[in-house]
Amino acid sequence: MHASRTRSSRAGGRRAVLTVALIGANRNAWGYLLETVADEHTLDRAEGKAAYYMAGGTPPGVWVGTGLTDLGLPEGADVAEGHLVALFGEGVHPITGATLGRRFNTPTPLEERIRARIQAAAADPVNRDLSREEFQQLGDRIRQEETENPVPQSVAGFEFVFSPPKSVSAWWVLADPQHKHRIRAAHLIRSIRSTPIGDASARASHAPRVERGGS
């Protein structure tokens, strides 16, 4: 699950874009956060447009927000893979491993569910006399059913993507490695201070306990 919503705002006469997306608890939904992280030195060595348009990923994530004191993490520290797996994959405290609210509902990925049902259908004696074409049609129906009736899953978090004004991007292309670091840091700090992320960390950092019938 990765539904997104985009908004734009002006800061200092320049337009910045903020995209907000829901991140499901299934690793298929948040695993890209690990897979797309690039080595900082890779960005330092890149030059000109190649660095901006062809970088092999994104800088390592860092911890920010008002809840860091409770987590026992310093602001600005890199997010370790184990921390990310604990929070998004297991719904537990990234340091102590303590459970945070209800256990995540992480259903089997779509393709695995389809494959399991097709394998079960192939082993069922009822389908033994089906022709190749008939079994293909059965497989198509299974895929359609699973696609049209997704299994609900927990929301592990919300992703805020801040896109800087084009002028900042152009400046980054022309900058030397030292200034590239400063531009990235300034963009992160300004994004946090000039957007609802501070309010979100104060109001939305919780794990709800919802029972039958709501609550």
Protein backbone atom coordinates (compact mmCIF):
# COMPACT_ATOMS: atom_id res chain seq x y z
CA MET A 1 0.00 0.00 0.00
CA HIS A 2 1.53 3.26 -1.06
CA ALA A 3 -1.20 5.82 -1.80
CA SER A 4 0.08 9.37 -2.18
CA ARG A 5 -1.15 12.94 -2.16
CA THR A 6 0.72 16.01 -3.41
CA ARG A 7 0.55 19.66 -2.39
CA SER A 8 2.65 22.72 -3.15
CA SER A 9 3.46 25.80 -1.11
CA ARG A 10 5.48 28.96 -1.46
CA ALA A 11 8.36 29.80 0.82
CA GLY A 12 10.38 32.93 0.23
CA GLY A 13 8.83 33.39 -3.23
CA ARG A 14 9.84 29.92 -4.41
CA ARG A 15 7.53 26.96 -4.85
CA ALA A 16 8.30 23.74 -2.99
CA VAL A 17 6.41 20.49 -3.49
CA LEU A 18 5.41 18.11 -0.70
CA THR A 19 4.14 14.60 -1.46
CA VAL A 20 2.60 12.55 1.35
CA ALA A 21 2.19 8.78 0.99
CA LEU A 22 0.90 5.99 3.21
CA ILE A 23 3.42 3.19 3.80
CA GLY A 24 2.02 -0.27 4.45
CA ALA A 25 3.55 -2.64 7.00
CA ASN A 26 4.36 -5.27 4.35
CA ARG A 27 8.03 -5.23 3.33
CA ASN A 28 6.94 -4.85 -0.31
CA ALA A 29 5.60 -1.42 0.69
CA TRP A 30 8.58 -0.05 2.64
CA GLY A 31 11.53 -2.19 1.52
CA TYR A 32 12.49 0.35 -1.16
CA LEU A 33 13.57 2.70 1.63
CA LEU A 34 16.50 0.34 2.22
CA GLU A 35 17.15 -0.54 -1.41
CA THR A 36 17.40 3.04 -2.72
CA VAL A 37 19.83 4.45 -0.15
CA ALA A 38 23.10 5.47 -1.82
CA ASP A 39 26.59 5.77 -0.41
CA GLU A 40 27.27 9.43 0.43
CA HIS A 41 30.65 9.22 -1.29
CA THR A 42 28.93 8.23 -4.53
CA LEU A 43 27.16 11.59 -4.57
CA ASP A 44 30.35 13.43 -3.69
CA ARG A 45 32.20 11.93 -6.65
CA ALA A 46 29.40 12.65 -9.11
CA GLU A 47 29.80 15.70 -11.29
CA GLY A 48 27.42 18.10 -13.02
CA LYS A 49 24.14 16.87 -14.45
CA ALA A 50 25.19 13.25 -14.05
CA ALA A 51 25.09 13.65 -10.28
CA TYR A 52 21.59 15.14 -10.32
CA TYR A 53 19.94 12.97 -12.94
CA MET A 54 21.87 9.70 -12.61
CA ALA A 55 22.63 9.30 -8.91
CA GLY A 56 22.14 5.68 -7.89
CA GLY A 57 19.89 6.44 -4.93
CA THR A 58 19.27 8.83 -2.07
CA PRO A 59 21.36 9.93 0.93
CA PRO A 60 20.95 7.89 4.14
CA GLY A 61 17.90 8.86 6.20
CA VAL A 62 18.33 10.68 9.51
CA TRP A 63 16.23 10.86 12.67
CA VAL A 64 14.23 14.04 13.30
CA GLY A 65 11.12 14.91 15.31
CA THR A 66 9.85 15.59 18.80
CA GLY A 67 9.60 11.91 19.72
CA LEU A 68 13.33 11.19 19.60
CA THR A 69 13.71 11.66 23.36
CA ASP A 70 11.29 8.81 24.00
CA LEU A 71 13.11 6.63 21.47
CA GLY A 72 16.53 7.39 22.93
CA LEU A 73 17.93 8.53 19.58
CA PRO A 74 19.99 11.67 18.85
CA GLU A 75 18.58 14.10 16.28
CA GLY A 76 20.38 13.89 12.95
CA ALA A 77 21.70 10.35 13.49
CA ASP A 78 21.60 8.02 10.48
CA VAL A 79 18.73 5.54 10.39
CA ALA A 80 20.16 2.03 10.69
CA GLU A 81 18.59 -0.83 8.73
CA GLY A 82 17.66 -2.61 11.95
CA HIS A 83 15.79 0.47 13.17
CA LEU A 84 13.78 0.67 9.96
CA VAL A 85 12.90 -3.03 10.02
CA ALA A 86 11.79 -2.77 13.65
CA LEU A 87 9.54 0.26 13.13
CA PHE A 88 8.02 -0.37 9.70
CA GLY A 89 8.23 -4.14 9.55
CA GLU A 90 7.47 -5.21 13.11
CA GLY A 91 5.90 -2.19 14.80
CA VAL A 92 8.30 -2.35 17.74
CA HIS A 93 10.61 0.13 19.47
CA PRO A 94 13.77 0.48 17.33
CA ILE A 95 16.08 0.28 20.37
CA THR A 96 14.38 -1.89 23.00
CA GLY A 97 12.17 -4.02 20.76
CA ALA A 98 9.13 -3.27 22.95
CA THR A 99 5.76 -3.63 21.20
CA LEU A 100 4.18 -0.34 20.09
CA GLY A 101 0.39 -0.75 20.10
CA ARG A 102 -1.29 -3.60 18.23
CA ARG A 103 0.65 -6.09 16.16
CA PHE A 104 0.83 -5.16 12.46
CA ASN A 105 -1.45 -7.00 10.06
CA THR A 106 0.94 -8.00 7.26
CA PRO A 107 -0.87 -10.19 4.73
CA THR A 108 0.90 -12.43 2.24
CA PRO A 109 1.96 -10.42 -0.86
CA LEU A 110 -0.44 -10.48 -3.83
CA GLU A 111 1.70 -12.58 -6.18
CA GLU A 112 2.38 -15.16 -3.47
CA ARG A 113 -1.36 -15.49 -2.73
CA ILE A 114 -2.13 -15.95 -6.43
CA ARG A 115 0.63 -18.53 -6.86
CA ALA A 116 -0.52 -20.50 -3.80
CA ARG A 117 -4.13 -20.62 -5.00
CA ILE A 118 -3.14 -21.71 -8.51
CA GLN A 119 -0.91 -24.46 -7.10
CA ALA A 120 -3.76 -25.63 -4.85
CA ALA A 121 -6.14 -25.65 -7.83
CA ALA A 122 -3.68 -27.71 -9.87
CA ALA A 123 -3.47 -30.30 -7.07
CA ASP A 124 -7.25 -30.49 -6.59
CA PRO A 125 -8.70 -33.69 -8.17
CA VAL A 126 -11.77 -31.69 -9.19
CA ASN A 127 -9.66 -29.86 -11.78
CA ARG A 128 -7.83 -32.94 -13.04
CA ASP A 129 -9.77 -33.13 -16.33
CA LEU A 130 -9.55 -29.43 -17.19
CA SER A 131 -7.98 -28.61 -20.53
CA ARG A 132 -4.98 -26.31 -20.74
CA GLU A 133 -7.23 -23.46 -21.84
CA GLU A 134 -9.76 -24.10 -19.06
CA PHE A 135 -7.05 -24.14 -16.42
CA GLN A 136 -5.66 -20.88 -17.82
CA GLN A 137 -9.11 -19.35 -17.45
CA LEU A 138 -9.26 -20.61 -13.87
CA GLY A 139 -5.91 -18.97 -13.17
CA ASP A 140 -7.15 -15.71 -14.69
CA ARG A 141 -10.22 -15.77 -12.43
CA ILE A 142 -8.04 -16.34 -9.38
CA ARG A 143 -5.82 -13.39 -10.31
CA GLN A 144 -8.84 -11.16 -10.89
CA GLU A 145 -10.39 -12.12 -7.54
CA GLU A 146 -7.20 -11.43 -5.61
CA THR A 147 -6.58 -8.14 -7.43
CA GLU A 148 -10.13 -6.83 -6.98
CA ASN A 149 -10.35 -7.87 -3.32
CA PRO A 150 -7.12 -6.74 -1.66
CA VAL A 151 -6.43 -7.91 1.87
CA PRO A 152 -6.37 -4.99 4.36
CA GLN A 153 -3.00 -4.29 5.92
CA SER A 154 -1.70 -2.00 8.63
CA VAL A 155 -0.26 1.43 7.91
CA ALA A 156 3.31 1.48 9.22
CA GLY A 157 3.94 5.18 8.62
CA PHE A 158 3.66 8.20 6.37
CA GLU A 159 6.27 9.29 3.86
CA PHE A 160 6.86 13.03 3.36
CA VAL A 161 8.82 13.79 0.18
CA PHE A 162 10.07 17.38 -0.15
CA SER A 163 11.11 18.54 -3.63
CA PRO A 164 13.20 21.75 -3.66
CA PRO A 165 12.65 24.60 -6.15
CA LYS A 166 14.34 24.14 -9.53
CA SER A 167 16.80 26.91 -8.72
CA VAL A 168 18.09 24.90 -5.75
CA SER A 169 18.42 21.80 -7.93
CA ALA A 170 20.42 23.78 -10.50
CA TRP A 171 22.65 25.20 -7.76
CA TRP A 172 23.29 21.66 -6.48
CA VAL A 173 24.35 20.53 -9.97
CA LEU A 174 27.01 23.25 -10.16
CA ALA A 175 28.23 22.99 -6.56
CA ASP A 176 31.40 21.29 -5.33
CA PRO A 177 31.09 18.32 -2.89
CA GLN A 178 31.34 20.51 0.21
CA HIS A 179 28.52 22.79 -0.91
CA LYS A 180 26.43 19.80 -2.02
CA HIS A 181 26.44 18.62 1.62
CA ARG A 182 25.41 22.09 2.83
CA ILE A 183 22.60 22.37 0.29
CA ARG A 184 21.19 18.97 1.25
CA ALA A 185 21.37 19.81 4.96
CA ALA A 186 19.74 23.22 4.48
CA HIS A 187 16.95 21.70 2.39
CA LEU A 188 16.21 19.12 5.09
CA ILE A 189 16.13 21.68 7.92
CA ARG A 190 13.99 24.16 5.96
CA SER A 191 11.57 21.42 4.93
CA ILE A 192 11.07 20.36 8.54
CA ARG A 193 10.58 23.91 9.82
CA SER A 194 8.28 25.18 7.05
CA THR A 195 5.93 22.20 6.71
CA PRO A 196 3.47 20.29 8.91
CA ILE A 197 6.04 17.61 9.77
CA GLY A 198 6.66 19.12 13.20
CA ASP A 199 2.94 19.10 13.94
CA ALA A 200 2.66 15.58 12.53
CA SER A 201 5.38 14.28 14.83
CA ALA A 202 3.52 15.77 17.81
CA ARG A 203 0.03 14.60 16.83
CA ALA A 204 0.40 11.50 14.68
CA SER A 205 3.27 9.55 16.26
CA HIS A 206 1.15 6.91 17.94
CA ALA A 207 0.03 3.33 17.53
CA PRO A 208 -3.80 3.18 17.82
CA ARG A 209 -5.54 0.28 19.49
CA VAL A 210 -8.73 -0.34 17.51
CA GLU A 211 -11.04 -3.16 18.54
CA ARG A 212 -14.12 -4.55 16.83
CA GLY A 213 -16.69 -1.89 16.07
CA GLY A 214 -14.10 0.85 16.26
CA SER A 215 -12.70 2.53 19.22
